[in-house]
Amino acid sequence: MLIGVAFANRGILKDRMGKHEAALDDYLHALEIAPETGEGPGFLTRFLRNQPRKPATIADRAEYLKQQLALPEHERLLHIPEADRKQRAYTLLGAVNTKTD
């Protein structure tokens, strides 16, 4: 799961940098190795963040990027600054066991 979260967050970073094809690759890789990353934040996380509505997930963003990147370049809408500022990084709640035997 942690690796999936890392790819999801790296995809978000690349997406914000305007590297949309690379972001899509990371989103798809995250979803492949940890499908639960595509579910987005659960109720408790949204409650703690005071987010009553479920935000778009990386699965939603990946699908949107696929659609937009299939369009001619002059027709693409890949960045909406006011909406993008509202997005938050994917986080993993709970204890992580880093102990190795």
PDB file of N, CA and C in Angstrom:
ATOM      1  N   MET A   1       0.823  -1.199   0.000  1.00  0.00           N
ATOM      2  CA  MET A   1       0.000   0.000   0.000  1.00  0.00           C
ATOM      3  C   MET A   1       0.866   1.261   0.000  1.00  0.00           C
ATOM      4  N   LEU A   2       1.931   1.277   0.798  1.00  0.00           N
ATOM      5  CA  LEU A   2       2.771   2.469   0.869  1.00  0.00           C
ATOM      6  C   LEU A   2       3.361   2.849  -0.482  1.00  0.00           C
ATOM      7  N   ILE A   3       3.762   1.857  -1.248  1.00  0.00           N
ATOM      8  CA  ILE A   3       4.339   2.150  -2.563  1.00  0.00           C
ATOM      9  C   ILE A   3       3.269   2.742  -3.469  1.00  0.00           C
ATOM     10  N   GLY A   4       2.052   2.226  -3.382  1.00  0.00           N
ATOM     11  CA  GLY A   4       0.954   2.782  -4.164  1.00  0.00           C
ATOM     12  C   GLY A   4       0.696   4.234  -3.807  1.00  0.00           C
ATOM     13  N   VAL A   5       0.724   4.539  -2.502  1.00  0.00           N
ATOM     14  CA  VAL A   5       0.529   5.913  -2.043  1.00  0.00           C
ATOM     15  C   VAL A   5       1.661   6.800  -2.567  1.00  0.00           C
ATOM     16  N   ALA A   6       2.876   6.287  -2.548  1.00  0.00           N
ATOM     17  CA  ALA A   6       4.020   7.067  -3.044  1.00  0.00           C
ATOM     18  C   ALA A   6       3.849   7.391  -4.525  1.00  0.00           C
ATOM     19  N   PHE A   7       3.426   6.414  -5.325  1.00  0.00           N
ATOM     20  CA  PHE A   7       3.203   6.672  -6.748  1.00  0.00           C
ATOM     21  C   PHE A   7       2.045   7.650  -6.949  1.00  0.00           C
ATOM     22  N   ALA A   8       0.997   7.522  -6.132  1.00  0.00           N
ATOM     23  CA  ALA A   8      -0.138   8.443  -6.244  1.00  0.00           C
ATOM     24  C   ALA A   8       0.313   9.873  -5.962  1.00  0.00           C
ATOM     25  N   ASN A   9       1.070  10.052  -4.886  1.00  0.00           N
ATOM     26  CA  ASN A   9       1.542  11.399  -4.542  1.00  0.00           C
ATOM     27  C   ASN A   9       2.538  11.935  -5.563  1.00  0.00           C
ATOM     28  N   ARG A  10       3.389  11.065  -6.098  1.00  0.00           N
ATOM     29  CA  ARG A  10       4.318  11.529  -7.134  1.00  0.00           C
ATOM     30  C   ARG A  10       3.535  11.943  -8.381  1.00  0.00           C
ATOM     31  N   GLY A  11       2.477  11.205  -8.680  1.00  0.00           N
ATOM     32  CA  GLY A  11       1.618  11.573  -9.805  1.00  0.00           C
ATOM     33  C   GLY A  11       0.977  12.929  -9.597  1.00  0.00           C
ATOM     34  N   ILE A  12       0.513  13.191  -8.366  1.00  0.00           N
ATOM     35  CA  ILE A  12      -0.074  14.495  -8.048  1.00  0.00           C
ATOM     36  C   ILE A  12       0.956  15.605  -8.260  1.00  0.00           C
ATOM     37  N   LEU A  13       2.171  15.366  -7.793  1.00  0.00           N
ATOM     38  CA  LEU A  13       3.240  16.356  -7.965  1.00  0.00           C
ATOM     39  C   LEU A  13       3.505  16.617  -9.449  1.00  0.00           C
ATOM     40  N   LYS A  14       3.647  15.555 -10.228  1.00  0.00           N
ATOM     41  CA  LYS A  14       3.894  15.718 -11.665  1.00  0.00           C
ATOM     42  C   LYS A  14       2.724  16.425 -12.339  1.00  0.00           C
ATOM     43  N   ASP A  15       1.512  16.083 -11.920  1.00  0.00           N
ATOM     44  CA  ASP A  15       0.316  16.711 -12.472  1.00  0.00           C
ATOM     45  C   ASP A  15       0.359  18.220 -12.229  1.00  0.00           C
ATOM     46  N   ARG A  16       0.701  18.627 -11.026  1.00  0.00           N
ATOM     47  CA  ARG A  16       0.774  20.055 -10.690  1.00  0.00           C
ATOM     48  C   ARG A  16       1.912  20.759 -11.417  1.00  0.00           C
ATOM     49  N   MET A  17       2.936  20.005 -11.802  1.00  0.00           N
ATOM     50  CA  MET A  17       4.059  20.576 -12.551  1.00  0.00           C
ATOM     51  C   MET A  17       3.755  20.661 -14.042  1.00  0.00           C
ATOM     52  N   GLY A  18       2.596  20.147 -14.455  1.00  0.00           N
ATOM     53  CA  GLY A  18       2.231  20.174 -15.861  1.00  0.00           C
ATOM     54  C   GLY A  18       2.749  18.997 -16.656  1.00  0.00           C
ATOM     55  N   LYS A  19       3.296  18.006 -15.998  1.00  0.00           N
ATOM     56  CA  LYS A  19       3.805  16.801 -16.661  1.00  0.00           C
ATOM     57  C   LYS A  19       2.705  15.740 -16.635  1.00  0.00           C
ATOM     58  N   HIS A  20       1.665  15.981 -17.419  1.00  0.00           N
ATOM     59  CA  HIS A  20       0.439  15.195 -17.329  1.00  0.00           C
ATOM     60  C   HIS A  20       0.591  13.751 -17.797  1.00  0.00           C
ATOM     61  N   GLU A  21       1.373  13.511 -18.831  1.00  0.00           N
ATOM     62  CA  GLU A  21       1.578  12.135 -19.288  1.00  0.00           C
ATOM     63  C   GLU A  21       2.297  11.323 -18.220  1.00  0.00           C
ATOM     64  N   ALA A  22       3.322  11.915 -17.603  1.00  0.00           N
ATOM     65  CA  ALA A  22       4.061  11.232 -16.538  1.00  0.00           C
ATOM     66  C   ALA A  22       3.161  11.025 -15.317  1.00  0.00           C
ATOM     67  N   ALA A  23       2.308  12.003 -15.022  1.00  0.00           N
ATOM     68  CA  ALA A  23       1.370  11.873 -13.903  1.00  0.00           C
ATOM     69  C   ALA A  23       0.416  10.715 -14.150  1.00  0.00           C
ATOM     70  N   LEU A  24      -0.103  10.622 -15.357  1.00  0.00           N
ATOM     71  CA  LEU A  24      -1.003   9.524 -15.702  1.00  0.00           C
ATOM     72  C   LEU A  24      -0.314   8.185 -15.502  1.00  0.00           C
ATOM     73  N   ASP A  25       0.935   8.070 -15.928  1.00  0.00           N
ATOM     74  CA  ASP A  25       1.688   6.822 -15.723  1.00  0.00           C
ATOM     75  C   ASP A  25       1.772   6.475 -14.241  1.00  0.00           C
ATOM     76  N   ASP A  26       2.063   7.458 -13.404  1.00  0.00           N
ATOM     77  CA  ASP A  26       2.156   7.199 -11.962  1.00  0.00           C
ATOM     78  C   ASP A  26       0.801   6.832 -11.372  1.00  0.00           C
ATOM     79  N   TYR A  27      -0.248   7.518 -11.782  1.00  0.00           N
ATOM     80  CA  TYR A  27      -1.587   7.190 -11.281  1.00  0.00           C
ATOM     81  C   TYR A  27      -1.950   5.753 -11.641  1.00  0.00           C
ATOM     82  N   LEU A  28      -1.707   5.382 -12.888  1.00  0.00           N
ATOM     83  CA  LEU A  28      -2.052   4.025 -13.318  1.00  0.00           C
ATOM     84  C   LEU A  28      -1.214   2.982 -12.591  1.00  0.00           C
ATOM     85  N   HIS A  29       0.058   3.285 -12.356  1.00  0.00           N
ATOM     86  CA  HIS A  29       0.920   2.362 -11.619  1.00  0.00           C
ATOM     87  C   HIS A  29       0.430   2.224 -10.174  1.00  0.00           C
ATOM     88  N   ALA A  30       0.068   3.325  -9.545  1.00  0.00           N
ATOM     89  CA  ALA A  30      -0.464   3.294  -8.177  1.00  0.00           C
ATOM     90  C   ALA A  30      -1.714   2.422  -8.110  1.00  0.00           C
ATOM     91  N   LEU A  31      -2.605   2.601  -9.073  1.00  0.00           N
ATOM     92  CA  LEU A  31      -3.844   1.823  -9.092  1.00  0.00           C
ATOM     93  C   LEU A  31      -3.589   0.348  -9.355  1.00  0.00           C
ATOM     94  N   GLU A  32      -2.557   0.055 -10.126  1.00  0.00           N
ATOM     95  CA  GLU A  32      -2.222  -1.337 -10.440  1.00  0.00           C
ATOM     96  C   GLU A  32      -1.672  -2.063  -9.215  1.00  0.00           C
ATOM     97  N   ILE A  33      -0.751  -1.419  -8.497  1.00  0.00           N
ATOM     98  CA  ILE A  33      -0.118  -2.115  -7.375  1.00  0.00           C
ATOM     99  C   ILE A  33      -0.902  -1.977  -6.068  1.00  0.00           C
ATOM    100  N   ALA A  34      -1.745  -0.969  -5.957  1.00  0.00           N
ATOM    101  CA  ALA A  34      -2.561  -0.771  -4.750  1.00  0.00           C
ATOM    102  C   ALA A  34      -3.910  -0.179  -5.162  1.00  0.00           C
ATOM    103  N   PRO A  35      -4.825  -1.024  -5.646  1.00  0.00           N
ATOM    104  CA  PRO A  35      -6.112  -0.530  -6.147  1.00  0.00           C
ATOM    105  C   PRO A  35      -6.880   0.337  -5.145  1.00  0.00           C
ATOM    106  N   GLU A  36      -6.657   0.114  -3.857  1.00  0.00           N
ATOM    107  CA  GLU A  36      -7.375   0.896  -2.853  1.00  0.00           C
ATOM    108  C   GLU A  36      -7.003   2.380  -2.868  1.00  0.00           C
ATOM    109  N   THR A  37      -5.883   2.731  -3.497  1.00  0.00           N
ATOM    110  CA  THR A  37      -5.530   4.149  -3.606  1.00  0.00           C
ATOM    111  C   THR A  37      -6.525   4.895  -4.494  1.00  0.00           C
ATOM    112  N   GLY A  38      -7.224   4.178  -5.333  1.00  0.00           N
ATOM    113  CA  GLY A  38      -8.214   4.792  -6.210  1.00  0.00           C
ATOM    114  C   GLY A  38      -9.519   5.131  -5.522  1.00  0.00           C
ATOM    115  N   GLU A  39      -9.675   4.689  -4.269  1.00  0.00           N
ATOM    116  CA  GLU A  39     -10.921   4.950  -3.544  1.00  0.00           C
ATOM    117  C   GLU A  39     -10.965   6.350  -2.943  1.00  0.00           C
ATOM    118  N   GLY A  40      -9.816   6.961  -2.771  1.00  0.00           N
ATOM    119  CA  GLY A  40      -9.774   8.296  -2.187  1.00  0.00           C
ATOM    120  C   GLY A  40      -9.947   8.251  -0.687  1.00  0.00           C
ATOM    121  N   PRO A  41     -10.006   9.414  -0.064  1.00  0.00           N
ATOM    122  CA  PRO A  41     -10.100   9.459   1.386  1.00  0.00           C
ATOM    123  C   PRO A  41     -11.444   8.929   1.884  1.00  0.00           C
ATOM    124  N   GLY A  42     -11.398   8.200   2.971  1.00  0.00           N
ATOM    125  CA  GLY A  42     -12.606   7.657   3.576  1.00  0.00           C
ATOM    126  C   GLY A  42     -13.313   8.692   4.429  1.00  0.00           C
ATOM    127  N   PHE A  43     -14.393   8.267   5.055  1.00  0.00           N
ATOM    128  CA  PHE A  43     -15.211   9.182   5.853  1.00  0.00           C
ATOM    129  C   PHE A  43     -14.405   9.838   6.967  1.00  0.00           C
ATOM    130  N   LEU A  44     -13.615   9.061   7.710  1.00  0.00           N
ATOM    131  CA  LEU A  44     -12.879   9.627   8.840  1.00  0.00           C
ATOM    132  C   LEU A  44     -11.896  10.709   8.383  1.00  0.00           C
ATOM    133  N   THR A  45     -11.160  10.431   7.319  1.00  0.00           N
ATOM    134  CA  THR A  45     -10.216  11.430   6.794  1.00  0.00           C
ATOM    135  C   THR A  45     -10.957  12.677   6.351  1.00  0.00           C
ATOM    136  N   ARG A  46     -12.062  12.502   5.651  1.00  0.00           N
ATOM    137  CA  ARG A  46     -12.844  13.664   5.205  1.00  0.00           C
ATOM    138  C   ARG A  46     -13.416  14.428   6.393  1.00  0.00           C
ATOM    139  N   PHE A  47     -13.830  13.716   7.430  1.00  0.00           N
ATOM    140  CA  PHE A  47     -14.348  14.368   8.633  1.00  0.00           C
ATOM    141  C   PHE A  47     -13.262  15.208   9.293  1.00  0.00           C
ATOM    142  N   LEU A  48     -12.070  14.634   9.436  1.00  0.00           N
ATOM    143  CA  LEU A  48     -10.961  15.343  10.066  1.00  0.00           C
ATOM    144  C   LEU A  48     -10.519  16.556   9.245  1.00  0.00           C
ATOM    145  N   ARG A  49     -10.684  16.493   7.949  1.00  0.00           N
ATOM    146  CA  ARG A  49     -10.322  17.603   7.058  1.00  0.00           C
ATOM    147  C   ARG A  49     -11.478  18.567   6.834  1.00  0.00           C
ATOM    148  N   ASN A  50     -12.637  18.255   7.408  1.00  0.00           N
ATOM    149  CA  ASN A  50     -13.839  19.045   7.202  1.00  0.00           C
ATOM    150  C   ASN A  50     -14.207  19.102   5.715  1.00  0.00           C
ATOM    151  N   GLN A  51     -14.215  17.925   5.082  1.00  0.00           N
ATOM    152  CA  GLN A  51     -14.586  17.794   3.671  1.00  0.00           C
ATOM    153  C   GLN A  51     -15.886  16.997   3.594  1.00  0.00           C
ATOM    154  N   PRO A  52     -17.027  17.648   3.566  1.00  0.00           N
ATOM    155  CA  PRO A  52     -18.288  16.906   3.535  1.00  0.00           C
ATOM    156  C   PRO A  52     -18.486  16.094   2.255  1.00  0.00           C
ATOM    157  N   ARG A  53     -17.996  16.611   1.142  1.00  0.00           N
ATOM    158  CA  ARG A  53     -18.135  15.885  -0.126  1.00  0.00           C
ATOM    159  C   ARG A  53     -16.849  15.150  -0.450  1.00  0.00           C
ATOM    160  N   LYS A  54     -17.016  13.977  -1.031  1.00  0.00           N
ATOM    161  CA  LYS A  54     -15.857  13.188  -1.422  1.00  0.00           C
ATOM    162  C   LYS A  54     -15.159  13.859  -2.606  1.00  0.00           C
ATOM    163  N   PRO A  55     -13.863  14.160  -2.472  1.00  0.00           N
ATOM    164  CA  PRO A  55     -13.141  14.814  -3.572  1.00  0.00           C
ATOM    165  C   PRO A  55     -12.836  13.817  -4.693  1.00  0.00           C
ATOM    166  N   ALA A  56     -12.428  14.350  -5.806  1.00  0.00           N
ATOM    167  CA  ALA A  56     -12.019  13.492  -6.920  1.00  0.00           C
ATOM    168  C   ALA A  56     -10.860  12.606  -6.468  1.00  0.00           C
ATOM    169  N   THR A  57     -10.825  11.391  -6.976  1.00  0.00           N
ATOM    170  CA  THR A  57      -9.780  10.437  -6.610  1.00  0.00           C
ATOM    171  C   THR A  57      -8.722  10.391  -7.714  1.00  0.00           C
ATOM    172  N   ILE A  58      -7.629   9.679  -7.450  1.00  0.00           N
ATOM    173  CA  ILE A  58      -6.625   9.540  -8.505  1.00  0.00           C
ATOM    174  C   ILE A  58      -7.181   8.707  -9.649  1.00  0.00           C
ATOM    175  N   ALA A  59      -8.118   7.805  -9.361  1.00  0.00           N
ATOM    176  CA  ALA A  59      -8.757   7.039 -10.436  1.00  0.00           C
ATOM    177  C   ALA A  59      -9.571   7.976 -11.327  1.00  0.00           C
ATOM    178  N   ASP A  60     -10.274   8.914 -10.696  1.00  0.00           N
ATOM    179  CA  ASP A  60     -11.044   9.914 -11.462  1.00  0.00           C
ATOM    180  C   ASP A  60     -10.105  10.763 -12.315  1.00  0.00           C
ATOM    181  N   ARG A  61      -9.011  11.209 -11.704  1.00  0.00           N
ATOM    182  CA  ARG A  61      -8.056  12.071 -12.420  1.00  0.00           C
ATOM    183  C   ARG A  61      -7.398  11.309 -13.558  1.00  0.00           C
ATOM    184  N   ALA A  62      -7.055  10.040 -13.323  1.00  0.00           N
ATOM    185  CA  ALA A  62      -6.434   9.232 -14.380  1.00  0.00           C
ATOM    186  C   ALA A  62      -7.378   9.104 -15.579  1.00  0.00           C
ATOM    187  N   GLU A  63      -8.639   8.847 -15.305  1.00  0.00           N
ATOM    188  CA  GLU A  63      -9.620   8.728 -16.388  1.00  0.00           C
ATOM    189  C   GLU A  63      -9.769  10.047 -17.135  1.00  0.00           C
ATOM    190  N   TYR A  64      -9.813  11.142 -16.402  1.00  0.00           N
ATOM    191  CA  TYR A  64      -9.920  12.460 -17.016  1.00  0.00           C
ATOM    192  C   TYR A  64      -8.697  12.763 -17.884  1.00  0.00           C
ATOM    193  N   LEU A  65      -7.502  12.464 -17.356  1.00  0.00           N
ATOM    194  CA  LEU A  65      -6.278  12.709 -18.138  1.00  0.00           C
ATOM    195  C   LEU A  65      -6.262  11.880 -19.417  1.00  0.00           C
ATOM    196  N   LYS A  66      -6.689  10.634 -19.325  1.00  0.00           N
ATOM    197  CA  LYS A  66      -6.751   9.782 -20.528  1.00  0.00           C
ATOM    198  C   LYS A  66      -7.629  10.434 -21.593  1.00  0.00           C
ATOM    199  N   GLN A  67      -8.799  10.906 -21.168  1.00  0.00           N
ATOM    200  CA  GLN A  67      -9.731  11.540 -22.105  1.00  0.00           C
ATOM    201  C   GLN A  67      -9.148  12.815 -22.703  1.00  0.00           C
ATOM    202  N   GLN A  68      -8.564  13.658 -21.851  1.00  0.00           N
ATOM    203  CA  GLN A  68      -8.028  14.934 -22.324  1.00  0.00           C
ATOM    204  C   GLN A  68      -6.795  14.748 -23.217  1.00  0.00           C
ATOM    205  N   LEU A  69      -5.927  13.806 -22.866  1.00  0.00           N
ATOM    206  CA  LEU A  69      -4.716  13.587 -23.667  1.00  0.00           C
ATOM    207  C   LEU A  69      -5.031  12.964 -25.025  1.00  0.00           C
ATOM    208  N   ALA A  70      -6.216  12.387 -25.153  1.00  0.00           N
ATOM    209  CA  ALA A  70      -6.643  11.835 -26.448  1.00  0.00           C
ATOM    210  C   ALA A  70      -7.130  12.934 -27.400  1.00  0.00           C
ATOM    211  N   LEU A  71      -7.426  14.100 -26.855  1.00  0.00           N
ATOM    212  CA  LEU A  71      -7.892  15.227 -27.677  1.00  0.00           C
ATOM    213  C   LEU A  71      -6.708  15.930 -28.342  1.00  0.00           C
ATOM    214  N   PRO A  72      -6.979  16.681 -29.410  1.00  0.00           N
ATOM    215  CA  PRO A  72      -5.923  17.526 -29.973  1.00  0.00           C
ATOM    216  C   PRO A  72      -5.443  18.513 -28.906  1.00  0.00           C
ATOM    217  N   GLU A  73      -4.191  18.846 -28.937  1.00  0.00           N
ATOM    218  CA  GLU A  73      -3.576  19.662 -27.889  1.00  0.00           C
ATOM    219  C   GLU A  73      -4.317  20.969 -27.632  1.00  0.00           C
ATOM    220  N   HIS A  74      -4.798  21.626 -28.676  1.00  0.00           N
ATOM    221  CA  HIS A  74      -5.473  22.922 -28.509  1.00  0.00           C
ATOM    222  C   HIS A  74      -6.857  22.803 -27.853  1.00  0.00           C
ATOM    223  N   GLU A  75      -7.387  21.586 -27.739  1.00  0.00           N
ATOM    224  CA  GLU A  75      -8.698  21.377 -27.124  1.00  0.00           C
ATOM    225  C   GLU A  75      -8.613  20.875 -25.677  1.00  0.00           C
ATOM    226  N   ARG A  76      -7.444  20.583 -25.208  1.00  0.00           N
ATOM    227  CA  ARG A  76      -7.270  19.990 -23.877  1.00  0.00           C
ATOM    228  C   ARG A  76      -7.483  21.005 -22.757  1.00  0.00           C
ATOM    229  N   LEU A  77      -8.097  20.534 -21.683  1.00  0.00           N
ATOM    230  CA  LEU A  77      -8.233  21.319 -20.459  1.00  0.00           C
ATOM    231  C   LEU A  77      -7.635  20.465 -19.341  1.00  0.00           C
ATOM    232  N   LEU A  78      -6.389  20.739 -19.023  1.00  0.00           N
ATOM    233  CA  LEU A  78      -5.660  19.899 -18.070  1.00  0.00           C
ATOM    234  C   LEU A  78      -5.408  20.573 -16.726  1.00  0.00           C
ATOM    235  N   HIS A  79      -5.683  21.857 -16.634  1.00  0.00           N
ATOM    236  CA  HIS A  79      -5.333  22.604 -15.429  1.00  0.00           C
ATOM    237  C   HIS A  79      -6.370  23.687 -15.164  1.00  0.00           C
ATOM    238  N   ILE A  80      -6.969  23.641 -13.977  1.00  0.00           N
ATOM    239  CA  ILE A  80      -7.893  24.682 -13.533  1.00  0.00           C
ATOM    240  C   ILE A  80      -7.375  25.140 -12.178  1.00  0.00           C
ATOM    241  N   PRO A  81      -6.603  26.224 -12.134  1.00  0.00           N
ATOM    242  CA  PRO A  81      -5.910  26.624 -10.912  1.00  0.00           C
ATOM    243  C   PRO A  81      -6.779  26.680  -9.656  1.00  0.00           C
ATOM    244  N   GLU A  82      -7.965  27.282  -9.742  1.00  0.00           N
ATOM    245  CA  GLU A  82      -8.793  27.403  -8.537  1.00  0.00           C
ATOM    246  C   GLU A  82      -9.269  26.044  -8.030  1.00  0.00           C
ATOM    247  N   ALA A  83      -9.560  25.119  -8.912  1.00  0.00           N
ATOM    248  CA  ALA A  83      -9.962  23.777  -8.489  1.00  0.00           C
ATOM    249  C   ALA A  83      -8.748  22.977  -8.012  1.00  0.00           C
ATOM    250  N   ASP A  84      -7.620  23.149  -8.668  1.00  0.00           N
ATOM    251  CA  ASP A  84      -6.412  22.407  -8.305  1.00  0.00           C
ATOM    252  C   ASP A  84      -5.916  22.776  -6.913  1.00  0.00           C
ATOM    253  N   ARG A  85      -6.076  24.025  -6.527  1.00  0.00           N
ATOM    254  CA  ARG A  85      -5.624  24.453  -5.197  1.00  0.00           C
ATOM    255  C   ARG A  85      -6.391  23.755  -4.076  1.00  0.00           C
ATOM    256  N   LYS A  86      -7.596  23.306  -4.357  1.00  0.00           N
ATOM    257  CA  LYS A  86      -8.420  22.654  -3.344  1.00  0.00           C
ATOM    258  C   LYS A  86      -8.036  21.188  -3.136  1.00  0.00           C
ATOM    259  N   GLN A  87      -7.285  20.607  -4.048  1.00  0.00           N
ATOM    260  CA  GLN A  87      -6.914  19.197  -3.951  1.00  0.00           C
ATOM    261  C   GLN A  87      -5.845  18.998  -2.888  1.00  0.00           C
ATOM    262  N   ARG A  88      -5.903  17.850  -2.252  1.00  0.00           N
ATOM    263  CA  ARG A  88      -4.927  17.526  -1.213  1.00  0.00           C
ATOM    264  C   ARG A  88      -4.214  16.243  -1.599  1.00  0.00           C
ATOM    265  N   ALA A  89      -3.026  16.058  -1.038  1.00  0.00           N
ATOM    266  CA  ALA A  89      -2.261  14.847  -1.293  1.00  0.00           C
ATOM    267  C   ALA A  89      -2.954  13.652  -0.662  1.00  0.00           C
ATOM    268  N   TYR A  90      -2.731  12.503  -1.232  1.00  0.00           N
ATOM    269  CA  TYR A  90      -3.250  11.256  -0.683  1.00  0.00           C
ATOM    270  C   TYR A  90      -2.454  10.928   0.569  1.00  0.00           C
ATOM    271  N   THR A  91      -3.137  10.558   1.638  1.00  0.00           N
ATOM    272  CA  THR A  91      -2.434  10.185   2.861  1.00  0.00           C
ATOM    273  C   THR A  91      -2.887   8.820   3.319  1.00  0.00           C
ATOM    274  N   LEU A  92      -2.063   8.188   4.077  1.00  0.00           N
ATOM    275  CA  LEU A  92      -2.346   6.872   4.626  1.00  0.00           C
ATOM    276  C   LEU A  92      -2.493   7.046   6.126  1.00  0.00           C
ATOM    277  N   LEU A  93      -3.692   6.813   6.630  1.00  0.00           N
ATOM    278  CA  LEU A  93      -3.918   6.920   8.070  1.00  0.00           C
ATOM    279  C   LEU A  93      -3.640   5.585   8.730  1.00  0.00           C
ATOM    280  N   GLY A  94      -3.146   5.626   9.936  1.00  0.00           N
ATOM    281  CA  GLY A  94      -2.887   4.414  10.688  1.00  0.00           C
ATOM    282  C   GLY A  94      -1.398   4.202  10.862  1.00  0.00           C
ATOM    283  N   ALA A  95      -1.091   3.277  11.728  1.00  0.00           N
ATOM    284  CA  ALA A  95       0.303   2.983  12.011  1.00  0.00           C
ATOM    285  C   ALA A  95       0.930   2.201  10.875  1.00  0.00           C
ATOM    286  N   VAL A  96       2.169   2.509  10.623  1.00  0.00           N
ATOM    287  CA  VAL A  96       2.918   1.807   9.601  1.00  0.00           C
ATOM    288  C   VAL A  96       4.017   1.034  10.308  1.00  0.00           C
ATOM    289  N   ASN A  97       4.057  -0.246  10.061  1.00  0.00           N
ATOM    290  CA  ASN A  97       5.058  -1.094  10.698  1.00  0.00           C
ATOM    291  C   ASN A  97       6.311  -1.095   9.835  1.00  0.00           C
ATOM    292  N   THR A  98       7.360  -0.436  10.302  1.00  0.00           N
ATOM    293  CA  THR A  98       8.608  -0.385   9.553  1.00  0.00           C
ATOM    294  C   THR A  98       9.634  -1.350  10.113  1.00  0.00           C
ATOM    295  N   LYS A  99       9.226  -2.149  11.063  1.00  0.00           N
ATOM    296  CA  LYS A  99      10.115  -3.105  11.719  1.00  0.00           C
ATOM    297  C   LYS A  99      10.399  -4.273  10.773  1.00  0.00           C
ATOM    298  N   THR A 100      11.643  -4.614  10.638  1.00  0.00           N
ATOM    299  CA  THR A 100      12.026  -5.766   9.815  1.00  0.00           C
ATOM    300  C   THR A 100      12.696  -6.797  10.698  1.00  0.00           C
ATOM    301  N   ASP A 101      12.443  -8.043  10.385  1.00  0.00           N
ATOM    302  CA  ASP A 101      13.056  -9.132  11.175  1.00  0.00           C
ATOM    303  C   ASP A 101      14.326  -9.625  10.557  1.00  0.00           C
TER     304      ASP A 101
END
